[in-house]
Amino acid sequence: MTYRLLDLFSGAGGAAMGYHRAGFEVVGVDHKPQKHYPFAFVLGDALEYCAAHGAEFDAIHASPPCQRYTRAQNAAKNAAAHPDLVPATRSALKSTGRPFIIENVVGAPLLNPATICGQSLGLGVRRHRLFETSFFVMTPPCQCRGQDYYVIFGHEVRNRRHGSAAGRKNSIAEGRIAMGIDWMTRGELSEAIPPAYTEFIGRRLLEDLHK
């Protein structure tokens, strides 16, 4: 049996690819066109679509905009100008009665979230992300200390060694390898989560659905 998963606030599909690799059929929804999204895609308001169709899916993932909560210096200065969509998203997901996941940055008001670090999953990027789930998830311990990694943001892909800048820019190809993503532009890559994160979450979700 193939389970269907709704991917809200989908972006270019980093989360979606992970769920696909775990075994889900994925449909994405975003209010902006996503020409590189690798699966079925609906252009529209994520929460409106959830209210109308969320219960038709076996599970739902949501990545509401993170600008309200990010600790990145430039974005944090304008945080108050961005909407706080986590509570509305949580309410919408709960109303469907389906298992759900809410993903966001460190600092977002998620409830009892699991934290995933890319280096704990063997990636060349740290990119810590929080996952609030309606089912139990035990994540591997963070493996950040003493390992080289890439920092990917804005229009740069930089390498850091043990936390200090290495002093050179790296190619988009290197950033794609670090993230485990080969179809996104540099800008899309800067906002994505690595598919390995949601593949890990998705396999745990499948266990829950199979009960």
N, C-alpha and C. Protein backbone atom coordinates (compact mmCIF):
# COMPACT_ATOMS: atom_id res chain seq x y z
N MET A 1 0.84 -1.20 0.00
CA MET A 1 0.00 0.00 0.00
C MET A 1 0.88 1.25 0.00
N THR A 2 0.54 2.22 -0.85
CA THR A 2 1.25 3.49 -0.89
C THR A 2 0.41 4.56 -0.19
N TYR A 3 0.99 5.19 0.81
CA TYR A 3 0.30 6.25 1.53
C TYR A 3 0.51 7.59 0.85
N ARG A 4 -0.49 8.46 0.95
CA ARG A 4 -0.43 9.79 0.34
C ARG A 4 -0.12 10.83 1.41
N LEU A 5 0.82 11.71 1.10
CA LEU A 5 1.23 12.74 2.05
C LEU A 5 1.07 14.12 1.41
N LEU A 6 0.46 15.04 2.14
CA LEU A 6 0.28 16.42 1.71
C LEU A 6 1.42 17.26 2.24
N ASP A 7 2.09 17.97 1.35
CA ASP A 7 3.26 18.79 1.69
C ASP A 7 2.89 20.26 1.58
N LEU A 8 2.59 20.88 2.72
CA LEU A 8 2.13 22.28 2.74
C LEU A 8 3.29 23.24 2.88
N PHE A 9 3.16 24.42 2.24
CA PHE A 9 4.26 25.40 2.18
C PHE A 9 5.48 24.70 1.58
N SER A 10 5.30 24.11 0.44
CA SER A 10 6.22 23.09 -0.08
C SER A 10 7.57 23.60 -0.51
N GLY A 11 7.66 24.86 -0.97
CA GLY A 11 8.92 25.31 -1.55
C GLY A 11 9.28 24.44 -2.73
N ALA A 12 10.56 24.25 -2.97
CA ALA A 12 11.02 23.53 -4.15
C ALA A 12 11.13 22.02 -3.93
N GLY A 13 10.73 21.53 -2.77
CA GLY A 13 10.57 20.09 -2.63
C GLY A 13 11.63 19.32 -1.87
N GLY A 14 12.42 19.98 -1.02
CA GLY A 14 13.39 19.25 -0.23
C GLY A 14 12.72 18.25 0.70
N ALA A 15 11.71 18.70 1.44
CA ALA A 15 10.97 17.80 2.33
C ALA A 15 10.25 16.73 1.54
N ALA A 16 9.64 17.11 0.43
CA ALA A 16 8.87 16.17 -0.37
C ALA A 16 9.72 15.00 -0.84
N MET A 17 10.94 15.28 -1.27
CA MET A 17 11.79 14.21 -1.78
C MET A 17 12.11 13.19 -0.70
N GLY A 18 12.30 13.66 0.52
CA GLY A 18 12.57 12.73 1.61
C GLY A 18 11.40 11.80 1.86
N TYR A 19 10.18 12.34 1.86
CA TYR A 19 9.01 11.50 2.06
C TYR A 19 8.83 10.53 0.89
N HIS A 20 9.11 10.98 -0.30
CA HIS A 20 9.05 10.10 -1.48
C HIS A 20 10.03 8.93 -1.31
N ARG A 21 11.23 9.22 -0.88
CA ARG A 21 12.22 8.16 -0.70
C ARG A 21 11.82 7.20 0.41
N ALA A 22 11.05 7.70 1.38
CA ALA A 22 10.57 6.82 2.45
C ALA A 22 9.43 5.94 1.99
N GLY A 23 8.79 6.30 0.85
CA GLY A 23 7.73 5.46 0.29
C GLY A 23 6.38 6.12 0.11
N PHE A 24 6.30 7.44 0.30
CA PHE A 24 5.02 8.15 0.18
C PHE A 24 4.79 8.68 -1.24
N GLU A 25 3.52 8.79 -1.59
CA GLU A 25 3.11 9.57 -2.77
C GLU A 25 2.84 10.99 -2.27
N VAL A 26 3.50 11.99 -2.84
CA VAL A 26 3.49 13.33 -2.27
C VAL A 26 2.79 14.32 -3.22
N VAL A 27 2.00 15.22 -2.63
CA VAL A 27 1.40 16.35 -3.34
C VAL A 27 1.79 17.62 -2.60
N GLY A 28 2.35 18.59 -3.31
CA GLY A 28 2.79 19.83 -2.69
C GLY A 28 1.83 20.98 -2.93
N VAL A 29 1.80 21.92 -1.98
CA VAL A 29 0.99 23.13 -2.10
C VAL A 29 1.82 24.33 -1.67
N ASP A 30 1.82 25.36 -2.49
CA ASP A 30 2.52 26.59 -2.14
C ASP A 30 1.83 27.75 -2.84
N HIS A 31 1.92 28.94 -2.25
CA HIS A 31 1.26 30.10 -2.86
C HIS A 31 2.11 30.73 -3.95
N LYS A 32 3.35 30.24 -4.11
CA LYS A 32 4.20 30.71 -5.20
C LYS A 32 4.46 29.55 -6.16
N PRO A 33 4.53 29.83 -7.47
CA PRO A 33 4.87 28.76 -8.42
C PRO A 33 6.22 28.12 -8.07
N GLN A 34 6.30 26.83 -8.18
CA GLN A 34 7.53 26.09 -7.85
C GLN A 34 7.86 25.20 -9.06
N LYS A 35 8.53 25.79 -10.03
CA LYS A 35 8.75 25.07 -11.29
C LYS A 35 9.69 23.89 -11.16
N HIS A 36 10.45 23.83 -10.07
CA HIS A 36 11.36 22.71 -9.87
C HIS A 36 10.82 21.66 -8.90
N TYR A 37 9.60 21.85 -8.42
CA TYR A 37 9.02 20.88 -7.50
C TYR A 37 8.90 19.54 -8.21
N PRO A 38 9.43 18.45 -7.63
CA PRO A 38 9.55 17.20 -8.38
C PRO A 38 8.33 16.30 -8.39
N PHE A 39 7.22 16.73 -7.77
CA PHE A 39 6.03 15.87 -7.70
C PHE A 39 4.78 16.68 -8.05
N ALA A 40 3.61 16.08 -7.89
CA ALA A 40 2.36 16.79 -8.17
C ALA A 40 2.30 18.05 -7.32
N PHE A 41 1.86 19.16 -7.93
CA PHE A 41 1.91 20.46 -7.25
C PHE A 41 0.62 21.23 -7.46
N VAL A 42 0.17 21.89 -6.39
CA VAL A 42 -1.02 22.75 -6.44
C VAL A 42 -0.61 24.16 -6.05
N LEU A 43 -0.93 25.12 -6.89
CA LEU A 43 -0.68 26.53 -6.59
C LEU A 43 -1.87 27.07 -5.81
N GLY A 44 -1.62 27.47 -4.56
CA GLY A 44 -2.73 27.97 -3.76
C GLY A 44 -2.32 28.20 -2.32
N ASP A 45 -3.27 28.66 -1.52
CA ASP A 45 -3.04 28.91 -0.10
C ASP A 45 -2.98 27.58 0.64
N ALA A 46 -1.90 27.35 1.37
CA ALA A 46 -1.68 26.05 2.02
C ALA A 46 -2.75 25.72 3.05
N LEU A 47 -3.11 26.68 3.89
CA LEU A 47 -4.07 26.38 4.94
C LEU A 47 -5.49 26.22 4.39
N GLU A 48 -5.82 26.98 3.35
CA GLU A 48 -7.13 26.80 2.71
C GLU A 48 -7.21 25.43 2.06
N TYR A 49 -6.14 25.00 1.42
CA TYR A 49 -6.14 23.70 0.78
C TYR A 49 -6.23 22.59 1.83
N CYS A 50 -5.55 22.79 2.94
CA CYS A 50 -5.61 21.82 4.02
C CYS A 50 -7.03 21.67 4.55
N ALA A 51 -7.71 22.79 4.73
CA ALA A 51 -9.08 22.75 5.24
C ALA A 51 -10.01 22.01 4.27
N ALA A 52 -9.77 22.20 2.99
CA ALA A 52 -10.65 21.60 1.98
C ALA A 52 -10.30 20.15 1.67
N HIS A 53 -9.02 19.80 1.73
CA HIS A 53 -8.59 18.49 1.22
C HIS A 53 -7.68 17.71 2.17
N GLY A 54 -7.28 18.28 3.29
CA GLY A 54 -6.30 17.62 4.15
C GLY A 54 -6.72 16.23 4.59
N ALA A 55 -7.99 16.05 4.90
CA ALA A 55 -8.47 14.76 5.38
C ALA A 55 -8.44 13.68 4.31
N GLU A 56 -8.21 14.06 3.06
CA GLU A 56 -8.15 13.08 1.98
C GLU A 56 -6.78 12.38 1.93
N PHE A 57 -5.82 12.88 2.69
CA PHE A 57 -4.47 12.33 2.70
C PHE A 57 -4.25 11.48 3.95
N ASP A 58 -3.23 10.63 3.90
CA ASP A 58 -2.92 9.78 5.04
C ASP A 58 -2.09 10.49 6.10
N ALA A 59 -1.36 11.52 5.70
CA ALA A 59 -0.52 12.29 6.62
C ALA A 59 -0.22 13.64 5.99
N ILE A 60 0.19 14.60 6.84
CA ILE A 60 0.43 15.96 6.35
C ILE A 60 1.73 16.50 6.95
N HIS A 61 2.54 17.09 6.10
CA HIS A 61 3.74 17.82 6.53
C HIS A 61 3.52 19.30 6.23
N ALA A 62 3.96 20.17 7.12
CA ALA A 62 3.84 21.62 6.90
C ALA A 62 5.12 22.32 7.32
N SER A 63 5.59 23.21 6.47
CA SER A 63 6.77 24.03 6.77
C SER A 63 6.38 25.50 6.63
N PRO A 64 5.62 26.05 7.60
CA PRO A 64 5.21 27.45 7.50
C PRO A 64 6.43 28.37 7.46
N PRO A 65 6.29 29.56 6.87
CA PRO A 65 7.43 30.47 6.73
C PRO A 65 8.18 30.67 8.03
N CYS A 66 9.51 30.70 7.94
CA CYS A 66 10.35 30.73 9.15
C CYS A 66 10.86 32.13 9.50
N GLN A 67 10.58 33.14 8.65
CA GLN A 67 11.20 34.45 8.86
C GLN A 67 10.83 35.07 10.20
N ARG A 68 9.69 34.70 10.75
CA ARG A 68 9.26 35.23 12.04
C ARG A 68 10.17 34.76 13.18
N TYR A 69 10.78 33.59 13.00
CA TYR A 69 11.50 32.95 14.10
C TYR A 69 13.00 32.83 13.89
N THR A 70 13.47 33.09 12.69
CA THR A 70 14.87 32.83 12.39
C THR A 70 15.81 33.67 13.23
N ARG A 71 16.99 33.09 13.52
CA ARG A 71 18.01 33.80 14.28
C ARG A 71 19.05 34.43 13.36
N ALA A 72 18.91 34.26 12.05
CA ALA A 72 19.83 34.89 11.11
C ALA A 72 19.79 36.39 11.32
N GLN A 73 20.91 37.03 11.38
CA GLN A 73 21.00 38.41 11.83
C GLN A 73 20.14 39.36 11.01
N ASN A 74 20.27 39.34 9.68
CA ASN A 74 19.53 40.29 8.86
C ASN A 74 18.03 40.05 8.92
N ALA A 75 17.63 38.78 8.85
CA ALA A 75 16.20 38.47 8.88
C ALA A 75 15.59 38.75 10.24
N ALA A 76 16.34 38.51 11.31
CA ALA A 76 15.81 38.69 12.66
C ALA A 76 15.40 40.14 12.92
N LYS A 77 16.08 41.09 12.27
CA LYS A 77 15.75 42.50 12.46
C LYS A 77 14.33 42.82 12.00
N ASN A 78 13.82 42.07 11.03
CA ASN A 78 12.49 42.33 10.47
C ASN A 78 11.50 41.23 10.84
N ALA A 79 11.81 40.46 11.87
CA ALA A 79 10.97 39.30 12.21
C ALA A 79 9.53 39.69 12.48
N ALA A 80 9.32 40.80 13.17
CA ALA A 80 7.97 41.20 13.56
C ALA A 80 7.09 41.52 12.36
N ALA A 81 7.69 41.79 11.21
CA ALA A 81 6.93 42.11 10.01
C ALA A 81 6.36 40.88 9.33
N HIS A 82 6.79 39.70 9.77
CA HIS A 82 6.35 38.45 9.15
C HIS A 82 5.29 37.77 10.01
N PRO A 83 4.34 37.06 9.39
CA PRO A 83 3.25 36.44 10.15
C PRO A 83 3.72 35.27 11.00
N ASP A 84 3.02 35.05 12.10
CA ASP A 84 3.26 33.91 12.97
C ASP A 84 2.23 32.84 12.60
N LEU A 85 2.62 31.93 11.71
CA LEU A 85 1.67 30.96 11.16
C LEU A 85 1.69 29.61 11.85
N VAL A 86 2.59 29.41 12.80
CA VAL A 86 2.66 28.10 13.45
C VAL A 86 1.36 27.74 14.17
N PRO A 87 0.78 28.61 15.01
CA PRO A 87 -0.46 28.22 15.70
C PRO A 87 -1.60 27.89 14.73
N ALA A 88 -1.76 28.71 13.69
CA ALA A 88 -2.83 28.45 12.71
C ALA A 88 -2.58 27.15 11.96
N THR A 89 -1.31 26.89 11.66
CA THR A 89 -0.97 25.65 10.97
C THR A 89 -1.27 24.44 11.85
N ARG A 90 -0.87 24.51 13.11
CA ARG A 90 -1.13 23.41 14.04
C ARG A 90 -2.63 23.14 14.14
N SER A 91 -3.42 24.20 14.26
CA SER A 91 -4.87 24.04 14.37
C SER A 91 -5.45 23.39 13.12
N ALA A 92 -4.97 23.83 11.96
CA ALA A 92 -5.47 23.28 10.70
C ALA A 92 -5.13 21.80 10.57
N LEU A 93 -3.92 21.43 10.97
CA LEU A 93 -3.51 20.03 10.86
C LEU A 93 -4.29 19.15 11.83
N LYS A 94 -4.45 19.61 13.04
CA LYS A 94 -5.19 18.82 14.03
C LYS A 94 -6.64 18.60 13.59
N SER A 95 -7.22 19.59 12.92
CA SER A 95 -8.63 19.48 12.52
C SER A 95 -8.86 18.38 11.48
N THR A 96 -7.81 17.97 10.79
CA THR A 96 -7.97 16.91 9.78
C THR A 96 -8.03 15.52 10.40
N GLY A 97 -7.52 15.38 11.63
CA GLY A 97 -7.48 14.08 12.26
C GLY A 97 -6.40 13.17 11.72
N ARG A 98 -5.50 13.70 10.90
CA ARG A 98 -4.43 12.90 10.29
C ARG A 98 -3.11 13.10 11.04
N PRO A 99 -2.21 12.10 10.98
CA PRO A 99 -0.87 12.32 11.55
C PRO A 99 -0.21 13.51 10.86
N PHE A 100 0.57 14.29 11.61
CA PHE A 100 1.15 15.48 11.00
C PHE A 100 2.54 15.76 11.52
N ILE A 101 3.24 16.57 10.74
CA ILE A 101 4.57 17.05 11.07
C ILE A 101 4.60 18.55 10.79
N ILE A 102 5.13 19.34 11.71
CA ILE A 102 5.39 20.76 11.45
C ILE A 102 6.90 20.96 11.56
N GLU A 103 7.50 21.52 10.53
CA GLU A 103 8.95 21.75 10.49
C GLU A 103 9.25 23.23 10.52
N ASN A 104 10.28 23.60 11.27
CA ASN A 104 10.68 25.00 11.26
C ASN A 104 12.09 25.14 11.85
N VAL A 105 12.54 26.40 11.91
CA VAL A 105 13.90 26.69 12.38
C VAL A 105 13.97 26.66 13.90
N VAL A 106 15.18 26.55 14.41
CA VAL A 106 15.40 26.67 15.85
C VAL A 106 14.92 28.05 16.30
N GLY A 107 14.13 28.08 17.34
CA GLY A 107 13.53 29.32 17.82
C GLY A 107 12.05 29.42 17.53
N ALA A 108 11.54 28.58 16.65
CA ALA A 108 10.10 28.58 16.35
C ALA A 108 9.33 27.95 17.51
N PRO A 109 8.07 28.38 17.72
CA PRO A 109 7.30 27.90 18.88
C PRO A 109 6.65 26.55 18.65
N LEU A 110 7.45 25.53 18.36
CA LEU A 110 6.92 24.19 18.19
C LEU A 110 6.84 23.49 19.54
N LEU A 111 5.94 22.52 19.64
CA LEU A 111 5.70 21.83 20.91
C LEU A 111 6.49 20.53 20.97
N ASN A 112 7.35 20.42 21.96
CA ASN A 112 8.16 19.22 22.18
C ASN A 112 8.80 18.71 20.88
N PRO A 113 9.49 19.58 20.16
CA PRO A 113 10.01 19.17 18.86
C PRO A 113 11.25 18.29 18.97
N ALA A 114 11.43 17.45 17.96
CA ALA A 114 12.68 16.74 17.77
C ALA A 114 13.58 17.64 16.93
N THR A 115 14.89 17.61 17.19
CA THR A 115 15.85 18.40 16.44
C THR A 115 16.70 17.47 15.59
N ILE A 116 16.83 17.82 14.30
CA ILE A 116 17.67 17.02 13.41
C ILE A 116 18.83 17.88 12.92
N CYS A 117 20.02 17.31 12.96
CA CYS A 117 21.25 17.92 12.45
C CYS A 117 21.72 17.11 11.25
N GLY A 118 22.08 17.79 10.16
CA GLY A 118 22.50 17.09 8.96
C GLY A 118 23.68 16.18 9.17
N GLN A 119 24.62 16.61 9.99
CA GLN A 119 25.81 15.79 10.20
C GLN A 119 25.49 14.50 10.95
N SER A 120 24.39 14.49 11.70
CA SER A 120 23.98 13.26 12.37
C SER A 120 23.47 12.22 11.37
N LEU A 121 23.09 12.70 10.18
CA LEU A 121 22.59 11.81 9.13
C LEU A 121 23.63 11.61 8.03
N GLY A 122 24.86 12.01 8.29
CA GLY A 122 25.94 11.78 7.34
C GLY A 122 26.06 12.81 6.24
N LEU A 123 25.42 13.98 6.41
CA LEU A 123 25.48 15.03 5.39
C LEU A 123 26.62 16.01 5.66
N GLY A 124 26.96 16.80 4.65
CA GLY A 124 28.00 17.81 4.79
C GLY A 124 27.46 19.17 5.18
N VAL A 125 26.32 19.19 5.84
CA VAL A 125 25.68 20.44 6.28
C VAL A 125 25.06 20.20 7.64
N ARG A 126 25.03 21.25 8.47
CA ARG A 126 24.41 21.11 9.80
C ARG A 126 22.91 21.43 9.73
N ARG A 127 22.57 22.61 9.39
CA ARG A 127 21.18 23.06 9.18
C ARG A 127 20.20 22.43 10.16
N HIS A 128 20.32 22.78 11.44
CA HIS A 128 19.43 22.26 12.47
C HIS A 128 17.98 22.68 12.19
N ARG A 129 17.08 21.72 12.28
CA ARG A 129 15.66 22.00 12.08
C ARG A 129 14.85 21.27 13.14
N LEU A 130 13.73 21.90 13.52
CA LEU A 130 12.81 21.34 14.51
C LEU A 130 11.64 20.65 13.82
N PHE A 131 11.18 19.55 14.43
CA PHE A 131 10.04 18.81 13.89
C PHE A 131 9.08 18.50 15.03
N GLU A 132 7.92 19.15 14.99
CA GLU A 132 6.83 18.80 15.90
C GLU A 132 6.00 17.72 15.21
N THR A 133 5.80 16.61 15.88
CA THR A 133 5.08 15.50 15.26
C THR A 133 3.94 15.02 16.16
N SER A 134 2.92 14.46 15.54
CA SER A 134 1.80 13.91 16.29
C SER A 134 2.07 12.46 16.69
N PHE A 135 3.26 11.96 16.37
CA PHE A 135 3.68 10.61 16.71
C PHE A 135 5.10 10.70 17.28
N PHE A 136 5.52 9.66 17.96
CA PHE A 136 6.83 9.71 18.63
C PHE A 136 7.97 9.55 17.63
N VAL A 137 8.99 10.41 17.77
CA VAL A 137 10.19 10.32 16.95
C VAL A 137 11.40 10.46 17.86
N MET A 138 12.33 9.52 17.76
CA MET A 138 13.60 9.64 18.48
C MET A 138 14.68 9.89 17.45
N THR A 139 15.34 11.03 17.55
CA THR A 139 16.34 11.41 16.55
C THR A 139 17.75 11.07 17.04
N PRO A 140 18.69 10.89 16.10
CA PRO A 140 20.08 10.62 16.50
C PRO A 140 20.70 11.84 17.15
N PRO A 141 21.65 11.66 18.05
CA PRO A 141 22.29 12.80 18.72
C PRO A 141 23.06 13.66 17.74
N CYS A 142 23.15 14.95 18.04
CA CYS A 142 23.86 15.89 17.18
C CYS A 142 25.34 15.52 17.10
N GLN A 143 25.90 15.64 15.89
CA GLN A 143 27.29 15.27 15.64
C GLN A 143 28.11 16.47 15.16
N CYS A 144 27.81 17.65 15.68
CA CYS A 144 28.40 18.88 15.16
C CYS A 144 29.88 19.07 15.49
N ARG A 145 30.33 18.59 16.58
CA ARG A 145 31.65 19.00 17.06
C ARG A 145 32.78 18.45 16.17
N GLY A 146 33.67 19.36 15.77
CA GLY A 146 34.91 18.96 15.13
C GLY A 146 34.80 18.41 13.73
N GLN A 147 33.70 18.68 13.03
CA GLN A 147 33.56 18.18 11.67
C GLN A 147 33.44 19.35 10.69
N ASP A 148 34.05 19.22 9.51
CA ASP A 148 33.90 20.22 8.47
C ASP A 148 32.47 20.18 7.93
N TYR A 149 31.97 21.33 7.49
CA TYR A 149 30.60 21.37 6.96
C TYR A 149 30.44 22.59 6.07
N TYR A 150 29.36 22.61 5.31
CA TYR A 150 29.03 23.74 4.45
C TYR A 150 27.95 24.59 5.11
N VAL A 151 28.05 25.89 4.92
CA VAL A 151 27.00 26.83 5.30
C VAL A 151 26.38 27.34 4.01
N ILE A 152 25.09 27.16 3.85
CA ILE A 152 24.42 27.50 2.60
C ILE A 152 23.32 28.50 2.89
N PHE A 153 23.44 29.71 2.34
CA PHE A 153 22.42 30.72 2.57
C PHE A 153 22.56 31.82 1.53
N GLY A 154 21.47 32.56 1.33
CA GLY A 154 21.49 33.67 0.37
C GLY A 154 22.05 33.23 -0.96
N HIS A 155 23.06 33.92 -1.45
CA HIS A 155 23.65 33.58 -2.73
C HIS A 155 25.08 33.10 -2.56
N GLU A 156 25.35 32.50 -1.41
CA GLU A 156 26.68 31.96 -1.17
C GLU A 156 26.60 30.51 -0.72
N VAL A 157 27.57 29.75 -1.08
CA VAL A 157 27.79 28.44 -0.50
C VAL A 157 29.21 28.48 0.04
N ARG A 158 29.37 28.49 1.33
CA ARG A 158 30.70 28.62 1.93
C ARG A 158 31.04 27.36 2.71
N ASN A 159 32.32 27.14 2.83
CA ASN A 159 32.81 26.01 3.62
C ASN A 159 33.34 26.52 4.95
N ARG A 160 33.03 25.81 6.02
CA ARG A 160 33.58 26.15 7.32
C ARG A 160 34.28 24.94 7.88
N ARG A 161 35.39 25.18 8.51
CA ARG A 161 36.13 24.08 9.13
C ARG A 161 36.13 24.28 10.63
N HIS A 162 35.48 23.37 11.31
CA HIS A 162 35.38 23.42 12.78
C HIS A 162 34.81 24.76 13.25
N GLY A 163 33.89 25.34 12.46
CA GLY A 163 33.18 26.52 12.89
C GLY A 163 33.77 27.84 12.45
N SER A 164 34.91 27.87 11.75
CA SER A 164 35.47 29.14 11.30
C SER A 164 35.51 29.16 9.78
N ALA A 165 35.34 30.34 9.17
CA ALA A 165 35.26 30.43 7.72
C ALA A 165 36.56 29.98 7.08
N ALA A 166 36.44 29.18 6.02
CA ALA A 166 37.62 28.67 5.33
C ALA A 166 38.20 29.68 4.35
N GLY A 167 37.44 30.73 4.06
CA GLY A 167 37.99 31.80 3.24
C GLY A 167 37.80 31.67 1.75
N ARG A 168 36.91 30.79 1.31
CA ARG A 168 36.66 30.71 -0.12
C ARG A 168 35.21 30.34 -0.36
N LYS A 169 34.68 30.81 -1.48
CA LYS A 169 33.33 30.43 -1.87
C LYS A 169 33.38 29.07 -2.56
N ASN A 170 32.30 28.33 -2.44
CA ASN A 170 32.21 27.03 -3.08
C ASN A 170 31.11 27.05 -4.12
N SER A 171 31.16 26.14 -5.04
CA SER A 171 30.21 26.10 -6.14
C SER A 171 28.85 25.59 -5.69
N ILE A 172 27.84 25.89 -6.51
CA ILE A 172 26.51 25.38 -6.23
C ILE A 172 26.53 23.85 -6.24
N ALA A 173 27.39 23.27 -7.06
CA ALA A 173 27.48 21.80 -7.11
C ALA A 173 27.91 21.24 -5.77
N GLU A 174 28.85 21.91 -5.10
CA GLU A 174 29.29 21.45 -3.79
C GLU A 174 28.17 21.57 -2.76
N GLY A 175 27.41 22.66 -2.86
CA GLY A 175 26.28 22.84 -1.95
C GLY A 175 25.22 21.78 -2.15
N ARG A 176 24.96 21.43 -3.41
CA ARG A 176 23.98 20.38 -3.68
C ARG A 176 24.41 19.04 -3.11
N ILE A 177 25.68 18.74 -3.24
CA ILE A 177 26.19 17.49 -2.67
C ILE A 177 26.05 17.49 -1.16
N ALA A 178 26.39 18.61 -0.53
CA ALA A 178 26.30 18.71 0.93
C ALA A 178 24.87 18.51 1.44
N MET A 179 23.90 19.02 0.68
CA MET A 179 22.49 18.93 1.08
C MET A 179 21.81 17.66 0.62
N GLY A 180 22.41 16.96 -0.35
CA GLY A 180 21.75 15.79 -0.92
C GLY A 180 20.61 16.19 -1.83
N ILE A 181 20.77 17.32 -2.55
CA ILE A 181 19.75 17.87 -3.45
C ILE A 181 20.42 18.21 -4.77
N ASP A 182 19.87 17.73 -5.89
CA ASP A 182 20.52 17.99 -7.18
C ASP A 182 19.66 18.72 -8.19
N TRP A 183 18.49 19.24 -7.78
CA TRP A 183 17.58 19.86 -8.76
C TRP A 183 17.28 21.32 -8.48
N MET A 184 17.79 21.89 -7.40
CA MET A 184 17.41 23.25 -7.01
C MET A 184 18.42 24.29 -7.44
N THR A 185 17.93 25.53 -7.58
CA THR A 185 18.80 26.67 -7.79
C THR A 185 19.46 27.03 -6.47
N ARG A 186 20.41 27.97 -6.52
CA ARG A 186 21.09 28.40 -5.30
C ARG A 186 20.10 29.01 -4.30
N GLY A 187 19.19 29.85 -4.79
CA GLY A 187 18.21 30.47 -3.91
C GLY A 187 17.28 29.45 -3.28
N GLU A 188 16.83 28.47 -4.06
CA GLU A 188 15.96 27.43 -3.53
C GLU A 188 16.70 26.58 -2.50
N LEU A 189 17.95 26.31 -2.78
CA LEU A 189 18.76 25.50 -1.88
C LEU A 189 18.93 26.18 -0.53
N SER A 190 19.02 27.51 -0.55
CA SER A 190 19.24 28.25 0.69
C SER A 190 18.06 28.13 1.65
N GLU A 191 16.86 27.83 1.13
CA GLU A 191 15.67 27.75 1.97
C GLU A 191 15.21 26.33 2.24
N ALA A 192 15.85 25.35 1.61
CA ALA A 192 15.38 23.97 1.68
C ALA A 192 15.89 23.24 2.92
N ILE A 193 15.23 22.13 3.23
CA ILE A 193 15.77 21.20 4.19
C ILE A 193 16.23 19.97 3.41
N PRO A 194 17.30 19.31 3.85
CA PRO A 194 17.78 18.14 3.14
C PRO A 194 16.75 17.01 3.15
N PRO A 195 16.56 16.32 2.05
CA PRO A 195 15.61 15.20 2.00
C PRO A 195 15.89 14.13 3.06
N ALA A 196 17.15 13.98 3.46
CA ALA A 196 17.47 12.97 4.47
C ALA A 196 16.69 13.18 5.76
N TYR A 197 16.36 14.44 6.08
CA TYR A 197 15.62 14.73 7.30
C TYR A 197 14.24 14.08 7.26
N THR A 198 13.50 14.34 6.18
CA THR A 198 12.13 13.84 6.11
C THR A 198 12.07 12.37 5.70
N GLU A 199 13.13 11.87 5.08
CA GLU A 199 13.19 10.42 4.87
C GLU A 199 13.26 9.73 6.24
N PHE A 200 14.07 10.28 7.13
CA PHE A 200 14.17 9.74 8.49
C PHE A 200 12.82 9.83 9.20
N ILE A 201 12.19 11.01 9.16
CA ILE A 201 10.88 11.19 9.79
C ILE A 201 9.84 10.31 9.12
N GLY A 202 9.88 10.25 7.79
CA GLY A 202 8.89 9.49 7.04
C GLY A 202 8.90 8.01 7.35
N ARG A 203 10.07 7.45 7.56
CA ARG A 203 10.16 6.01 7.88
C ARG A 203 9.53 5.74 9.25
N ARG A 204 9.72 6.67 10.17
CA ARG A 204 9.06 6.53 11.48
C ARG A 204 7.55 6.70 11.34
N LEU A 205 7.12 7.60 10.49
CA LEU A 205 5.69 7.80 10.24
C LEU A 205 5.07 6.55 9.65
N LEU A 206 5.74 5.89 8.72
CA LEU A 206 5.22 4.66 8.13
C LEU A 206 5.00 3.58 9.19
N GLU A 207 5.93 3.50 10.14
CA GLU A 207 5.75 2.55 11.22
C GLU A 207 4.46 2.83 11.99
N ASP A 208 4.19 4.11 12.20
CA ASP A 208 2.99 4.52 12.92
C ASP A 208 1.74 4.20 12.12
N LEU A 209 1.79 4.45 10.81
CA LEU A 209 0.63 4.19 9.95
C LEU A 209 0.34 2.70 9.81
N HIS A 210 1.37 1.88 9.91
CA HIS A 210 1.22 0.43 9.75
C HIS A 210 0.65 -0.24 10.98
N LYS A 211 0.57 0.48 12.10
CA LYS A 211 0.05 -0.13 13.33
C LYS A 211 -1.40 -0.53 13.19
